[in-house]
Amino acid sequence: MGGLDDLYQQLILDHYRNRRGRGRIENASASVHEHNPVCGDECFLDILVEDNRIVEIRADGDGCSISQAAASMLTEVVADKDLNEALEIVEHFRRMMHGDAEPDEDLLGDAIALEGVAKYPVRVKCALLSWLALRDAIASYRETTAHGG
């Protein structure tokens, strides 16, 4: 399994060094800021929603390689997904990180490389930060639109 672990490690480093979807969205449909006070990781996440689809997602912030690579991976995985599908992907990722779901490469794409982080409970929060930010952003968007915002 060493070869696969090495490949996953390289994928995580690539996403950390060359972050996809990095930045902010002016006039975003929803924006959230998540912070992990234990380690200092932070994530600013913006989504632009049209016809119940994530047409653009951007993440910015600072933190460890795991948190920043996870945010980069997230932006690729959920781009152009409808909101319910994005939430299903987030939930599958959350369950995988807690050891409650088998990794699904078709569903998670590059984020499957974070599977090994589940072995290190203190790092799970790092990997989940941006994913839970997306869950909160979708909830915020839905609440705003439900109230005519």
N, C-alpha and C. Protein backbone atom coordinates (compact mmCIF):
# COMPACT_ATOMS: atom_id res chain seq x y z
N MET A 1 0.83 -1.20 0.00
CA MET A 1 0.00 0.00 0.00
C MET A 1 0.86 1.25 0.00
N GLY A 2 2.17 1.11 0.21
CA GLY A 2 3.06 2.26 0.25
C GLY A 2 2.99 3.11 -1.00
N GLY A 3 2.87 2.49 -2.18
CA GLY A 3 2.78 3.24 -3.42
C GLY A 3 1.56 4.13 -3.48
N LEU A 4 0.42 3.58 -3.06
CA LEU A 4 -0.82 4.36 -3.06
C LEU A 4 -0.74 5.49 -2.03
N ASP A 5 -0.19 5.19 -0.85
CA ASP A 5 -0.02 6.23 0.16
C ASP A 5 0.87 7.35 -0.36
N ASP A 6 1.95 6.98 -1.06
CA ASP A 6 2.84 7.99 -1.63
C ASP A 6 2.12 8.84 -2.67
N LEU A 7 1.33 8.18 -3.52
CA LEU A 7 0.56 8.89 -4.53
C LEU A 7 -0.41 9.87 -3.89
N TYR A 8 -1.12 9.41 -2.85
CA TYR A 8 -2.06 10.28 -2.15
C TYR A 8 -1.34 11.45 -1.49
N GLN A 9 -0.18 11.18 -0.91
CA GLN A 9 0.58 12.24 -0.27
C GLN A 9 1.00 13.30 -1.30
N GLN A 10 1.43 12.84 -2.48
CA GLN A 10 1.81 13.77 -3.55
C GLN A 10 0.61 14.58 -4.03
N LEU A 11 -0.56 13.94 -4.10
CA LEU A 11 -1.77 14.63 -4.53
C LEU A 11 -2.16 15.72 -3.53
N ILE A 12 -2.06 15.40 -2.25
CA ILE A 12 -2.35 16.39 -1.20
C ILE A 12 -1.37 17.57 -1.30
N LEU A 13 -0.10 17.27 -1.47
CA LEU A 13 0.89 18.35 -1.59
C LEU A 13 0.66 19.19 -2.84
N ASP A 14 0.26 18.56 -3.94
CA ASP A 14 -0.01 19.30 -5.16
C ASP A 14 -1.19 20.26 -4.95
N HIS A 15 -2.25 19.79 -4.31
CA HIS A 15 -3.39 20.66 -4.04
C HIS A 15 -3.03 21.77 -3.07
N TYR A 16 -2.14 21.50 -2.14
CA TYR A 16 -1.71 22.53 -1.19
C TYR A 16 -0.87 23.60 -1.90
N ARG A 17 0.04 23.17 -2.74
CA ARG A 17 0.94 24.10 -3.42
C ARG A 17 0.27 24.84 -4.57
N ASN A 18 -0.68 24.19 -5.23
CA ASN A 18 -1.35 24.75 -6.41
C ASN A 18 -2.85 24.70 -6.17
N ARG A 19 -3.30 25.52 -5.26
CA ARG A 19 -4.70 25.47 -4.83
C ARG A 19 -5.66 25.83 -5.95
N ARG A 20 -6.60 24.94 -6.15
CA ARG A 20 -7.66 25.17 -7.12
C ARG A 20 -8.78 25.93 -6.43
N GLY A 21 -9.48 26.73 -7.19
CA GLY A 21 -10.63 27.44 -6.64
C GLY A 21 -10.28 28.42 -5.54
N ARG A 22 -9.06 28.91 -5.54
CA ARG A 22 -8.65 29.82 -4.47
C ARG A 22 -9.12 31.23 -4.77
N GLY A 23 -9.62 31.89 -3.75
CA GLY A 23 -10.04 33.27 -3.89
C GLY A 23 -11.41 33.50 -3.28
N ARG A 24 -11.99 34.61 -3.66
CA ARG A 24 -13.31 35.00 -3.16
C ARG A 24 -14.21 35.31 -4.35
N ILE A 25 -15.50 35.30 -4.11
CA ILE A 25 -16.47 35.63 -5.15
C ILE A 25 -17.18 36.92 -4.75
N GLU A 26 -17.03 37.93 -5.58
CA GLU A 26 -17.77 39.16 -5.37
C GLU A 26 -19.23 38.86 -5.69
N ASN A 27 -20.15 39.33 -4.89
CA ASN A 27 -21.58 39.08 -5.08
C ASN A 27 -21.93 37.59 -4.96
N ALA A 28 -21.29 36.91 -4.03
CA ALA A 28 -21.58 35.50 -3.79
C ALA A 28 -23.01 35.31 -3.29
N SER A 29 -23.58 34.15 -3.59
CA SER A 29 -24.91 33.82 -3.08
C SER A 29 -24.86 33.56 -1.58
N ALA A 30 -23.73 33.04 -1.11
CA ALA A 30 -23.51 32.81 0.32
C ALA A 30 -22.02 32.80 0.59
N SER A 31 -21.66 33.31 1.75
CA SER A 31 -20.26 33.35 2.20
C SER A 31 -20.21 32.94 3.66
N VAL A 32 -19.24 32.12 3.99
CA VAL A 32 -19.05 31.74 5.39
C VAL A 32 -17.57 31.80 5.74
N HIS A 33 -17.32 31.94 7.01
CA HIS A 33 -15.97 31.91 7.55
C HIS A 33 -15.95 30.87 8.65
N GLU A 34 -15.09 29.90 8.51
CA GLU A 34 -14.93 28.86 9.53
C GLU A 34 -13.52 28.94 10.08
N HIS A 35 -13.41 28.66 11.36
CA HIS A 35 -12.12 28.75 12.05
C HIS A 35 -11.99 27.57 13.00
N ASN A 36 -10.83 26.95 12.99
CA ASN A 36 -10.55 25.87 13.93
C ASN A 36 -9.63 26.45 15.02
N PRO A 37 -10.19 26.77 16.19
CA PRO A 37 -9.38 27.42 17.23
C PRO A 37 -8.28 26.53 17.79
N VAL A 38 -8.40 25.22 17.61
CA VAL A 38 -7.38 24.30 18.14
C VAL A 38 -6.05 24.50 17.42
N CYS A 39 -6.11 24.65 16.08
CA CYS A 39 -4.86 24.73 15.33
C CYS A 39 -4.69 26.05 14.58
N GLY A 40 -5.75 26.85 14.49
CA GLY A 40 -5.65 28.13 13.81
C GLY A 40 -6.04 28.11 12.34
N ASP A 41 -6.38 26.95 11.79
CA ASP A 41 -6.83 26.89 10.40
C ASP A 41 -8.06 27.77 10.22
N GLU A 42 -8.14 28.44 9.07
CA GLU A 42 -9.36 29.18 8.78
C GLU A 42 -9.68 29.07 7.30
N CYS A 43 -10.97 29.15 7.03
CA CYS A 43 -11.46 29.02 5.67
C CYS A 43 -12.57 30.05 5.42
N PHE A 44 -12.40 30.80 4.35
CA PHE A 44 -13.45 31.66 3.84
C PHE A 44 -13.99 30.95 2.61
N LEU A 45 -15.27 30.68 2.58
CA LEU A 45 -15.85 29.94 1.47
C LEU A 45 -17.02 30.71 0.89
N ASP A 46 -17.00 30.88 -0.42
CA ASP A 46 -18.07 31.58 -1.14
C ASP A 46 -18.64 30.66 -2.19
N ILE A 47 -19.97 30.72 -2.35
CA ILE A 47 -20.61 29.98 -3.44
C ILE A 47 -21.50 30.93 -4.23
N LEU A 48 -21.57 30.67 -5.51
CA LEU A 48 -22.50 31.35 -6.39
C LEU A 48 -23.47 30.29 -6.89
N VAL A 49 -24.74 30.50 -6.62
CA VAL A 49 -25.77 29.50 -6.94
C VAL A 49 -26.70 30.08 -8.00
N GLU A 50 -26.96 29.28 -9.02
CA GLU A 50 -27.95 29.61 -10.04
C GLU A 50 -28.76 28.35 -10.32
N ASP A 51 -30.08 28.48 -10.36
CA ASP A 51 -30.96 27.33 -10.63
C ASP A 51 -30.63 26.14 -9.73
N ASN A 52 -30.38 26.44 -8.45
CA ASN A 52 -30.11 25.41 -7.43
C ASN A 52 -28.81 24.64 -7.68
N ARG A 53 -27.89 25.23 -8.47
CA ARG A 53 -26.59 24.62 -8.78
C ARG A 53 -25.47 25.52 -8.30
N ILE A 54 -24.38 24.91 -7.87
CA ILE A 54 -23.18 25.67 -7.52
C ILE A 54 -22.45 25.95 -8.83
N VAL A 55 -22.58 27.16 -9.33
CA VAL A 55 -21.94 27.50 -10.59
C VAL A 55 -20.52 28.02 -10.37
N GLU A 56 -20.24 28.43 -9.14
CA GLU A 56 -18.87 28.82 -8.80
C GLU A 56 -18.68 28.63 -7.30
N ILE A 57 -17.50 28.16 -6.95
CA ILE A 57 -17.14 28.01 -5.54
C ILE A 57 -15.69 28.42 -5.39
N ARG A 58 -15.43 29.20 -4.37
CA ARG A 58 -14.07 29.67 -4.08
C ARG A 58 -13.80 29.51 -2.59
N ALA A 59 -12.57 29.17 -2.29
CA ALA A 59 -12.15 29.04 -0.89
C ALA A 59 -10.83 29.78 -0.72
N ASP A 60 -10.70 30.44 0.39
CA ASP A 60 -9.46 31.12 0.72
C ASP A 60 -9.23 30.94 2.21
N GLY A 61 -8.04 31.18 2.64
CA GLY A 61 -7.74 31.04 4.06
C GLY A 61 -6.31 30.66 4.27
N ASP A 62 -6.03 30.30 5.51
CA ASP A 62 -4.69 29.90 5.90
C ASP A 62 -4.80 28.68 6.79
N GLY A 63 -3.75 27.90 6.79
CA GLY A 63 -3.73 26.75 7.67
C GLY A 63 -2.76 25.70 7.17
N CYS A 64 -2.88 24.55 7.74
CA CYS A 64 -1.97 23.45 7.42
C CYS A 64 -2.23 22.92 6.02
N SER A 65 -1.33 22.08 5.55
CA SER A 65 -1.46 21.52 4.21
C SER A 65 -2.74 20.71 4.06
N ILE A 66 -3.16 20.02 5.11
CA ILE A 66 -4.37 19.20 5.04
C ILE A 66 -5.60 20.10 4.83
N SER A 67 -5.74 21.14 5.63
CA SER A 67 -6.93 21.99 5.52
C SER A 67 -6.98 22.71 4.17
N GLN A 68 -5.85 23.17 3.71
CA GLN A 68 -5.83 23.93 2.46
C GLN A 68 -5.97 23.02 1.24
N ALA A 69 -5.37 21.84 1.28
CA ALA A 69 -5.55 20.88 0.19
C ALA A 69 -7.00 20.40 0.14
N ALA A 70 -7.60 20.18 1.29
CA ALA A 70 -9.00 19.74 1.35
C ALA A 70 -9.92 20.78 0.72
N ALA A 71 -9.64 22.05 0.97
CA ALA A 71 -10.45 23.12 0.38
C ALA A 71 -10.28 23.14 -1.13
N SER A 72 -9.07 22.97 -1.60
CA SER A 72 -8.80 22.92 -3.03
C SER A 72 -9.56 21.77 -3.68
N MET A 73 -9.50 20.61 -3.07
CA MET A 73 -10.18 19.43 -3.59
C MET A 73 -11.69 19.64 -3.62
N LEU A 74 -12.20 20.23 -2.54
CA LEU A 74 -13.64 20.49 -2.45
C LEU A 74 -14.13 21.33 -3.62
N THR A 75 -13.38 22.38 -3.95
CA THR A 75 -13.84 23.27 -5.02
C THR A 75 -13.95 22.54 -6.35
N GLU A 76 -13.13 21.54 -6.57
CA GLU A 76 -13.22 20.76 -7.81
C GLU A 76 -14.36 19.75 -7.75
N VAL A 77 -14.55 19.12 -6.61
CA VAL A 77 -15.52 18.04 -6.48
C VAL A 77 -16.96 18.54 -6.61
N VAL A 78 -17.27 19.69 -6.05
CA VAL A 78 -18.67 20.14 -6.03
C VAL A 78 -19.01 21.18 -7.09
N ALA A 79 -18.03 21.58 -7.89
CA ALA A 79 -18.32 22.56 -8.94
C ALA A 79 -19.39 21.99 -9.87
N ASP A 80 -20.38 22.80 -10.15
CA ASP A 80 -21.49 22.49 -11.05
C ASP A 80 -22.41 21.38 -10.53
N LYS A 81 -22.40 21.14 -9.25
CA LYS A 81 -23.32 20.16 -8.65
C LYS A 81 -24.54 20.90 -8.13
N ASP A 82 -25.69 20.20 -8.12
CA ASP A 82 -26.84 20.83 -7.48
C ASP A 82 -26.64 20.76 -5.97
N LEU A 83 -27.38 21.59 -5.26
CA LEU A 83 -27.15 21.73 -3.82
C LEU A 83 -27.34 20.44 -3.05
N ASN A 84 -28.37 19.66 -3.39
CA ASN A 84 -28.59 18.39 -2.69
C ASN A 84 -27.46 17.41 -2.95
N GLU A 85 -26.99 17.35 -4.20
CA GLU A 85 -25.88 16.46 -4.53
C GLU A 85 -24.62 16.89 -3.78
N ALA A 86 -24.38 18.19 -3.72
CA ALA A 86 -23.21 18.70 -2.99
C ALA A 86 -23.28 18.31 -1.52
N LEU A 87 -24.46 18.42 -0.93
CA LEU A 87 -24.63 18.03 0.48
C LEU A 87 -24.41 16.53 0.67
N GLU A 88 -24.84 15.72 -0.27
CA GLU A 88 -24.60 14.27 -0.19
C GLU A 88 -23.10 13.97 -0.24
N ILE A 89 -22.38 14.69 -1.09
CA ILE A 89 -20.93 14.50 -1.19
C ILE A 89 -20.25 14.92 0.11
N VAL A 90 -20.67 16.05 0.66
CA VAL A 90 -20.11 16.53 1.94
C VAL A 90 -20.36 15.49 3.03
N GLU A 91 -21.57 14.96 3.08
CA GLU A 91 -21.90 13.98 4.12
C GLU A 91 -21.08 12.70 3.93
N HIS A 92 -20.91 12.25 2.70
CA HIS A 92 -20.08 11.06 2.46
C HIS A 92 -18.64 11.31 2.91
N PHE A 93 -18.10 12.49 2.58
CA PHE A 93 -16.75 12.83 2.99
C PHE A 93 -16.64 12.86 4.51
N ARG A 94 -17.62 13.48 5.17
CA ARG A 94 -17.61 13.54 6.64
C ARG A 94 -17.62 12.14 7.23
N ARG A 95 -18.47 11.29 6.71
CA ARG A 95 -18.55 9.92 7.21
C ARG A 95 -17.25 9.16 6.96
N MET A 96 -16.63 9.36 5.79
CA MET A 96 -15.35 8.71 5.50
C MET A 96 -14.29 9.16 6.51
N MET A 97 -14.28 10.45 6.81
CA MET A 97 -13.27 10.98 7.74
C MET A 97 -13.47 10.44 9.15
N HIS A 98 -14.68 10.05 9.48
CA HIS A 98 -14.95 9.47 10.81
C HIS A 98 -14.94 7.94 10.77
N GLY A 99 -14.57 7.36 9.63
CA GLY A 99 -14.48 5.91 9.52
C GLY A 99 -15.82 5.21 9.38
N ASP A 100 -16.87 5.96 9.00
CA ASP A 100 -18.21 5.40 8.89
C ASP A 100 -18.64 5.13 7.45
N ALA A 101 -17.76 5.39 6.48
CA ALA A 101 -18.11 5.14 5.07
C ALA A 101 -16.85 4.74 4.31
N GLU A 102 -17.04 3.87 3.35
CA GLU A 102 -15.93 3.46 2.49
C GLU A 102 -15.64 4.59 1.50
N PRO A 103 -14.38 4.83 1.20
CA PRO A 103 -14.04 5.86 0.23
C PRO A 103 -14.66 5.55 -1.14
N ASP A 104 -15.18 6.56 -1.80
CA ASP A 104 -15.79 6.41 -3.12
C ASP A 104 -15.14 7.42 -4.06
N GLU A 105 -14.20 6.94 -4.87
CA GLU A 105 -13.45 7.83 -5.75
C GLU A 105 -14.35 8.51 -6.77
N ASP A 106 -15.38 7.81 -7.24
CA ASP A 106 -16.30 8.42 -8.21
C ASP A 106 -17.01 9.63 -7.61
N LEU A 107 -17.31 9.55 -6.34
CA LEU A 107 -18.01 10.62 -5.65
C LEU A 107 -17.05 11.72 -5.20
N LEU A 108 -15.88 11.34 -4.70
CA LEU A 108 -14.98 12.28 -4.05
C LEU A 108 -13.84 12.80 -4.92
N GLY A 109 -13.58 12.18 -6.04
CA GLY A 109 -12.47 12.62 -6.88
C GLY A 109 -11.16 12.61 -6.11
N ASP A 110 -10.36 13.66 -6.27
CA ASP A 110 -9.06 13.75 -5.60
C ASP A 110 -9.18 13.71 -4.08
N ALA A 111 -10.32 14.08 -3.54
CA ALA A 111 -10.48 14.13 -2.08
C ALA A 111 -10.36 12.75 -1.45
N ILE A 112 -10.41 11.71 -2.25
CA ILE A 112 -10.19 10.37 -1.71
C ILE A 112 -8.79 10.25 -1.10
N ALA A 113 -7.87 11.09 -1.57
CA ALA A 113 -6.51 11.08 -1.04
C ALA A 113 -6.46 11.43 0.44
N LEU A 114 -7.50 12.06 0.94
CA LEU A 114 -7.54 12.45 2.36
C LEU A 114 -8.01 11.32 3.27
N GLU A 115 -8.34 10.19 2.69
CA GLU A 115 -8.82 9.04 3.45
C GLU A 115 -7.89 8.68 4.61
N GLY A 116 -6.59 8.73 4.40
CA GLY A 116 -5.63 8.37 5.43
C GLY A 116 -5.63 9.30 6.63
N VAL A 117 -6.14 10.50 6.48
CA VAL A 117 -6.19 11.47 7.58
C VAL A 117 -7.08 10.94 8.70
N ALA A 118 -8.04 10.09 8.36
CA ALA A 118 -8.96 9.52 9.36
C ALA A 118 -8.21 8.79 10.46
N LYS A 119 -7.00 8.33 10.18
CA LYS A 119 -6.18 7.63 11.19
C LYS A 119 -5.65 8.58 12.26
N TYR A 120 -5.75 9.87 12.03
CA TYR A 120 -5.20 10.88 12.93
C TYR A 120 -6.33 11.81 13.38
N PRO A 121 -7.04 11.43 14.43
CA PRO A 121 -8.22 12.19 14.85
C PRO A 121 -7.99 13.69 15.01
N VAL A 122 -6.82 14.09 15.44
CA VAL A 122 -6.56 15.51 15.63
C VAL A 122 -6.53 16.25 14.29
N ARG A 123 -6.28 15.53 13.19
CA ARG A 123 -6.21 16.16 11.86
C ARG A 123 -7.53 16.11 11.09
N VAL A 124 -8.48 15.31 11.58
CA VAL A 124 -9.76 15.18 10.90
C VAL A 124 -10.46 16.54 10.80
N LYS A 125 -10.39 17.33 11.86
CA LYS A 125 -11.02 18.66 11.83
C LYS A 125 -10.38 19.54 10.76
N CYS A 126 -9.10 19.36 10.52
CA CYS A 126 -8.41 20.13 9.48
C CYS A 126 -9.01 19.79 8.11
N ALA A 127 -9.17 18.51 7.86
CA ALA A 127 -9.71 18.06 6.57
C ALA A 127 -11.16 18.46 6.39
N LEU A 128 -11.91 18.48 7.47
CA LEU A 128 -13.35 18.77 7.38
C LEU A 128 -13.69 20.25 7.33
N LEU A 129 -12.78 21.12 7.68
CA LEU A 129 -13.09 22.54 7.84
C LEU A 129 -13.83 23.13 6.64
N SER A 130 -13.28 23.02 5.46
CA SER A 130 -13.91 23.63 4.28
C SER A 130 -15.18 22.87 3.88
N TRP A 131 -15.19 21.57 4.10
CA TRP A 131 -16.36 20.77 3.72
C TRP A 131 -17.57 21.15 4.58
N LEU A 132 -17.33 21.36 5.87
CA LEU A 132 -18.42 21.78 6.74
C LEU A 132 -18.79 23.24 6.47
N ALA A 133 -17.81 24.02 6.00
CA ALA A 133 -18.11 25.40 5.59
C ALA A 133 -19.09 25.39 4.42
N LEU A 134 -18.91 24.46 3.50
CA LEU A 134 -19.85 24.37 2.38
C LEU A 134 -21.24 24.01 2.87
N ARG A 135 -21.32 23.07 3.80
CA ARG A 135 -22.62 22.70 4.36
C ARG A 135 -23.29 23.93 4.97
N ASP A 136 -22.52 24.74 5.70
CA ASP A 136 -23.06 25.95 6.31
C ASP A 136 -23.44 27.00 5.26
N ALA A 137 -22.65 27.10 4.20
CA ALA A 137 -22.94 28.07 3.14
C ALA A 137 -24.25 27.70 2.44
N ILE A 138 -24.46 26.43 2.18
CA ILE A 138 -25.71 26.00 1.54
C ILE A 138 -26.89 26.28 2.46
N ALA A 139 -26.74 26.00 3.75
CA ALA A 139 -27.81 26.28 4.71
C ALA A 139 -28.11 27.78 4.75
N SER A 140 -27.08 28.59 4.75
CA SER A 140 -27.25 30.05 4.76
C SER A 140 -27.95 30.51 3.50
N TYR A 141 -27.54 29.99 2.37
CA TYR A 141 -28.18 30.35 1.09
C TYR A 141 -29.66 29.98 1.11
N ARG A 142 -29.96 28.78 1.57
CA ARG A 142 -31.35 28.34 1.60
C ARG A 142 -32.19 29.17 2.56
N GLU A 143 -31.62 29.52 3.67
CA GLU A 143 -32.36 30.35 4.63
C GLU A 143 -32.62 31.74 4.05
N THR A 144 -31.62 32.30 3.40
CA THR A 144 -31.77 33.62 2.80
C THR A 144 -32.81 33.61 1.69
N THR A 145 -32.78 32.60 0.83
CA THR A 145 -33.73 32.55 -0.27
C THR A 145 -35.12 32.20 0.21
N ALA A 146 -35.23 31.45 1.29
CA ALA A 146 -36.54 31.11 1.84
C ALA A 146 -37.23 32.34 2.41
N HIS A 147 -36.44 33.32 2.82
CA HIS A 147 -36.98 34.55 3.40
C HIS A 147 -36.95 35.70 2.40
N GLY A 148 -36.89 35.36 1.12
CA GLY A 148 -36.96 36.38 0.08
C GLY A 148 -35.73 37.22 -0.08
N GLY A 149 -34.55 36.70 0.42
CA GLY A 149 -33.33 37.49 0.34
C GLY A 149 -32.67 37.38 -0.92
